[in-house]
C-alpha atoms as a PDB file:
ATOM      1  CA  MET A   1      -3.105  31.689 -10.737  1.00  0.00           C
ATOM      2  CA  LYS A   2       0.344  30.089  -9.237  1.00  0.00           C
ATOM      3  CA  THR A   3       2.340  30.682  -6.117  1.00  0.00           C
ATOM      4  CA  GLU A   4       5.149  32.260  -7.762  1.00  0.00           C
ATOM      5  CA  GLN A   5       3.159  34.406  -9.736  1.00  0.00           C
ATOM      6  CA  ALA A   6       1.097  35.468  -6.845  1.00  0.00           C
ATOM      7  CA  VAL A   7       4.334  36.221  -4.185  1.00  0.00           C
ATOM      8  CA  LEU A   8       5.816  38.613  -7.866  1.00  0.00           C
ATOM      9  CA  ARG A   9       1.911  40.567  -7.712  1.00  0.00           C
ATOM     10  CA  LEU A  10       2.224  40.767  -3.871  1.00  0.00           C
ATOM     11  CA  ASN A  11       5.809  42.375  -4.450  1.00  0.00           C
ATOM     12  CA  ARG A  12       4.387  45.108  -6.284  1.00  0.00           C
ATOM     13  CA  ILE A  13       1.823  45.876  -4.306  1.00  0.00           C
ATOM     14  CA  LEU A  14       4.444  45.978  -1.592  1.00  0.00           C
ATOM     15  CA  LYS A  15       6.867  48.001  -3.834  1.00  0.00           C
ATOM     16  CA  ALA A  16       3.841  50.893  -3.896  1.00  0.00           C
ATOM     17  CA  THR A  17       2.808  50.649  -0.044  1.00  0.00           C
ATOM     18  CA  PRO A  18       5.469  48.166   1.838  1.00  0.00           C
ATOM     19  CA  GLU A  19       3.436  48.577   4.950  1.00  0.00           C
ATOM     20  CA  HIS A  20       0.344  46.893   3.752  1.00  0.00           C
ATOM     21  CA  SER A  21      -0.001  44.349   5.922  1.00  0.00           C
ATOM     22  CA  GLU A  22      -2.275  42.324   4.576  1.00  0.00           C
ATOM     23  CA  ALA A  23      -0.090  41.928   1.404  1.00  0.00           C
ATOM     24  CA  LEU A  24       2.655  41.345   3.276  1.00  0.00           C
ATOM     25  CA  ALA A  25       0.774  37.908   5.521  1.00  0.00           C
ATOM     26  CA  LEU A  26      -0.584  36.497   2.080  1.00  0.00           C
ATOM     27  CA  LYS A  27       2.936  36.882   0.719  1.00  0.00           C
ATOM     28  CA  ALA A  28       4.205  34.459   4.179  1.00  0.00           C
ATOM     29  CA  TYR A  29       1.633  32.168   3.539  1.00  0.00           C
ATOM     30  CA  ALA A  30       2.838  32.012  -0.354  1.00  0.00           C
ATOM     31  CA  LEU A  31       6.173  31.444   0.554  1.00  0.00           C
ATOM     32  CA  ASN A  32       5.601  28.684   2.769  1.00  0.00           C
ATOM     33  CA  LYS A  33       3.326  26.767   0.268  1.00  0.00           C
ATOM     34  CA  LEU A  34       6.991  27.310  -2.268  1.00  0.00           C
ATOM     35  CA  ALA A  35       9.187  26.051   0.520  1.00  0.00           C
ATOM     36  CA  ASN A  36       7.140  23.158   0.814  1.00  0.00           C
ATOM     37  CA  SER A  37       6.393  22.606  -3.107  1.00  0.00           C
ATOM     38  CA  ARG A  38      10.082  22.972  -3.485  1.00  0.00           C
ATOM     39  CA  LYS A  39      11.605  21.180  -0.476  1.00  0.00           C
ATOM     40  CA  ASP A  40      13.715  24.647  -0.184  1.00  0.00           C
ATOM     41  CA  TRP A  41      13.438  25.865   3.440  1.00  0.00           C
ATOM     42  CA  THR A  42      15.130  29.123   2.769  1.00  0.00           C
ATOM     43  CA  TYR A  43      11.617  30.480   1.775  1.00  0.00           C
ATOM     44  CA  SER A  44      10.414  29.659   4.837  1.00  0.00           C
ATOM     45  CA  LYS A  45      12.911  32.554   6.071  1.00  0.00           C
ATOM     46  CA  HIS A  46      11.406  34.796   4.035  1.00  0.00           C
ATOM     47  CA  ALA A  47       7.802  33.743   4.802  1.00  0.00           C
ATOM     48  CA  LEU A  48       9.103  34.421   8.774  1.00  0.00           C
ATOM     49  CA  GLU A  49      10.375  37.865   7.520  1.00  0.00           C
ATOM     50  CA  SER A  50       7.079  38.468   5.857  1.00  0.00           C
ATOM     51  CA  ALA A  51       5.096  37.093   8.605  1.00  0.00           C
ATOM     52  CA  ASP A  52       7.269  39.298  11.194  1.00  0.00           C
ATOM     53  CA  ARG A  53       6.515  42.200   9.439  1.00  0.00           C
ATOM     54  CA  ALA A  54       2.904  41.998   8.831  1.00  0.00           C
ATOM     55  CA  LEU A  55       2.369  41.082  12.564  1.00  0.00           C
ATOM     56  CA  ALA A  56       4.420  44.463  13.609  1.00  0.00           C
ATOM     57  CA  LEU A  57       1.767  46.275  11.447  1.00  0.00           C
ATOM     58  CA  ASN A  58      -1.263  44.333  12.611  1.00  0.00           C
ATOM     59  CA  PRO A  59      -1.051  41.861  15.460  1.00  0.00           C
ATOM     60  CA  ASP A  60      -4.304  40.342  14.936  1.00  0.00           C
ATOM     61  CA  ASP A  61      -3.897  39.037  11.464  1.00  0.00           C
ATOM     62  CA  ASP A  62      -4.274  34.989  10.988  1.00  0.00           C
ATOM     63  CA  ILE A  63      -2.928  34.477   8.472  1.00  0.00           C
ATOM     64  CA  GLY A  64      -0.100  36.523   9.184  1.00  0.00           C
ATOM     65  CA  LEU A  65       0.020  34.355  12.565  1.00  0.00           C
ATOM     66  CA  VAL A  66      -0.682  31.144  10.771  1.00  0.00           C
ATOM     67  CA  SER A  67       2.061  32.330   8.233  1.00  0.00           C
ATOM     68  CA  ARG A  68       4.950  33.178  10.968  1.00  0.00           C
ATOM     69  CA  GLY A  69       4.051  29.730  12.766  1.00  0.00           C
ATOM     70  CA  TRP A  70       4.061  27.384   9.525  1.00  0.00           C
ATOM     71  CA  ALA A  71       7.593  28.831   8.662  1.00  0.00           C
ATOM     72  CA  LEU A  72       8.400  28.413  12.306  1.00  0.00           C
ATOM     73  CA  ILE A  73       7.766  24.942  12.211  1.00  0.00           C
ATOM     74  CA  ASP A  74       9.409  24.046   8.961  1.00  0.00           C
ATOM     75  CA  LEU A  75      12.387  25.951  10.617  1.00  0.00           C
ATOM     76  CA  GLY A  76      12.427  23.374  13.332  1.00  0.00           C
ATOM     77  CA  ARG A  77      11.174  25.752  15.852  1.00  0.00           C
ATOM     78  CA  ALA A  78       7.835  23.927  17.118  1.00  0.00           C
ATOM     79  CA  GLN A  79       7.449  25.161  20.058  1.00  0.00           C
ATOM     80  CA  ASP A  80       8.589  28.892  18.905  1.00  0.00           C
ATOM     81  CA  ALA A  81       5.353  28.408  16.758  1.00  0.00           C
ATOM     82  CA  LEU A  82       2.457  27.445  19.785  1.00  0.00           C
ATOM     83  CA  THR A  83       2.205  31.399  20.984  1.00  0.00           C
ATOM     84  CA  SER A  84       1.795  32.841  17.707  1.00  0.00           C
ATOM     85  CA  LEU A  85      -0.913  29.494  16.544  1.00  0.00           C
ATOM     86  CA  LEU A  86      -3.048  30.073  19.572  1.00  0.00           C
ATOM     87  CA  GLN A  87      -3.272  33.356  19.099  1.00  0.00           C
ATOM     88  CA  ALA A  88      -4.634  32.649  15.608  1.00  0.00           C
ATOM     89  CA  THR A  89      -6.951  30.336  16.788  1.00  0.00           C
ATOM     90  CA  LYS A  90      -8.171  32.825  19.053  1.00  0.00           C
ATOM     91  CA  VAL A  91      -8.441  35.931  16.511  1.00  0.00           C
ATOM     92  CA  ASN A  92     -10.196  33.434  13.676  1.00  0.00           C
ATOM     93  CA  PRO A  93     -11.269  30.061  15.331  1.00  0.00           C
ATOM     94  CA  ALA A  94     -12.762  29.615  11.860  1.00  0.00           C
ATOM     95  CA  ASN A  95      -9.363  29.152  10.420  1.00  0.00           C
ATOM     96  CA  GLU A  96      -8.849  25.807   9.340  1.00  0.00           C
ATOM     97  CA  TYR A  97      -5.280  26.343   8.683  1.00  0.00           C
ATOM     98  CA  ALA A  98      -4.673  27.748  12.662  1.00  0.00           C
ATOM     99  CA  TRP A  99      -6.015  24.740  14.185  1.00  0.00           C
ATOM    100  CA  TYR A 100      -3.989  22.469  11.485  1.00  0.00           C
ATOM    101  CA  ASN A 101      -1.084  24.125  12.211  1.00  0.00           C
ATOM    102  CA  LEU A 102      -1.674  24.482  15.747  1.00  0.00           C
ATOM    103  CA  ALA A 103      -2.010  20.798  15.815  1.00  0.00           C
ATOM    104  CA  TRP A 104       0.905  20.014  14.214  1.00  0.00           C
ATOM    105  CA  ALA A 105       3.237  22.517  16.581  1.00  0.00           C
ATOM    106  CA  GLN A 106       1.667  20.403  19.537  1.00  0.00           C
ATOM    107  CA  TYR A 107       2.388  17.138  17.806  1.00  0.00           C
ATOM    108  CA  LEU A 108       6.385  18.093  17.588  1.00  0.00           C
ATOM    109  CA  THR A 109       6.585  18.883  20.938  1.00  0.00           C
ATOM    110  CA  GLN A 110       4.710  15.673  22.589  1.00  0.00           C
ATOM    111  CA  SER A 111       1.472  17.161  23.306  1.00  0.00           C
ATOM    112  CA  PRO A 112      -0.565  14.658  21.908  1.00  0.00           C
ATOM    113  CA  ALA A 113      -3.630  14.956  23.562  1.00  0.00           C
ATOM    114  CA  ALA A 114      -3.761  18.676  22.930  1.00  0.00           C
ATOM    115  CA  SER A 115      -2.998  17.729  19.364  1.00  0.00           C
ATOM    116  CA  LYS A 116      -5.694  15.722  18.613  1.00  0.00           C
ATOM    117  CA  GLU A 117      -8.531  17.699  19.954  1.00  0.00           C
ATOM    118  CA  SER A 118      -6.930  20.855  17.291  1.00  0.00           C
ATOM    119  CA  ILE A 119      -6.716  18.443  14.491  1.00  0.00           C
ATOM    120  CA  GLN A 120     -10.459  17.381  15.185  1.00  0.00           C
ATOM    121  CA  ARG A 121     -11.075  21.096  15.514  1.00  0.00           C
ATOM    122  CA  ALA A 122      -9.895  21.834  11.856  1.00  0.00           C
ATOM    123  CA  LEU A 123     -12.003  18.718  10.675  1.00  0.00           C
ATOM    124  CA  GLN A 124     -14.472  20.229  12.429  1.00  0.00           C
ATOM    125  CA  ILE A 125     -14.170  23.489  10.301  1.00  0.00           C
ATOM    126  CA  ASN A 126     -13.389  21.806   6.771  1.00  0.00           C
ATOM    127  CA  PRO A 127     -14.104  18.070   6.728  1.00  0.00           C
ATOM    128  CA  ALA A 128     -13.728  17.558   3.344  1.00  0.00           C
ATOM    129  CA  ASN A 129      -9.842  19.403   3.574  1.00  0.00           C
ATOM    130  CA  SER A 130      -7.672  16.146   2.189  1.00  0.00           C
ATOM    131  CA  ILE A 131      -4.345  18.484   3.473  1.00  0.00           C
ATOM    132  CA  ILE A 132      -5.889  17.989   7.221  1.00  0.00           C
ATOM    133  CA  LYS A 133      -6.840  14.526   6.613  1.00  0.00           C
ATOM    134  CA  ARG A 134      -3.602  13.185   5.679  1.00  0.00           C
ATOM    135  CA  GLY A 135      -2.252  15.359   8.543  1.00  0.00           C
ATOM    136  CA  LYS A 136      -4.246  13.782  10.986  1.00  0.00           C
ATOM    137  CA  GLU A 137      -3.711  10.169   9.512  1.00  0.00           C
ATOM    138  CA  MET A 138       0.453  10.844   9.737  1.00  0.00           C
ATOM    139  CA  MET A 139      -0.505  11.607  13.333  1.00  0.00           C
ATOM    140  CA  GLU A 140      -2.479   8.578  14.124  1.00  0.00           C
ATOM    141  CA  LYS A 141       0.379   6.393  12.833  1.00  0.00           C
ATOM    142  CA  GLY A 142       2.904   8.529  14.502  1.00  0.00           C
ATOM    143  CA  ARG A 143       4.570   9.746  11.649  1.00  0.00           C
ATOM    144  CA  ILE A 144       6.626  13.168  10.841  1.00  0.00           C
ATOM    145  CA  PRO A 145       6.809  14.721   7.618  1.00  0.00           C
ATOM    146  CA  ARG A 146      10.402  13.752   6.308  1.00  0.00           C
ATOM    147  CA  HIS A 147      11.456  17.566   6.282  1.00  0.00           C
ATOM    148  CA  LEU A 148      10.384  17.730  10.149  1.00  0.00           C
ATOM    149  CA  LYS A 149      12.670  15.075  10.882  1.00  0.00           C
ATOM    150  CA  ARG A 150      15.979  16.731  10.356  1.00  0.00           C
ATOM    151  CA  LYS A 151      15.444  19.597  12.257  1.00  0.00           C
ATOM    152  CA  LYS A 152      16.810  20.198  15.703  1.00  0.00           C
END
């Protein structure tokens, strides 16, 4: 299923059940994917809103926490993302994307040792994940994704 279709289906669920925390968290995740694929960061703002609504209903939803952190990173607020992402790694230590996004937040906030530990943790969970491998390579080469360079 395409990400756009997923968002539409989640919107239908949320129309019927506005306080469905899992649907809100999944919608936030899908909106983050759209933001990155389309390079349109207004989706990140909507993802943050959806994640915040999900977390108001269920503060320990790891998908909501990761989605919140991911949106904050994409909005240039890596420091603000740290709290949500650290909590996500505690709630579900097996969530590779919690560790991956935590690594980026740490990397962007000048915490290279912590970032290296977090990216290694993500790879321990899923050594075949090409997104995590690519992120690790970027960090090792001192690179930052283009869209994050322009954020202050």
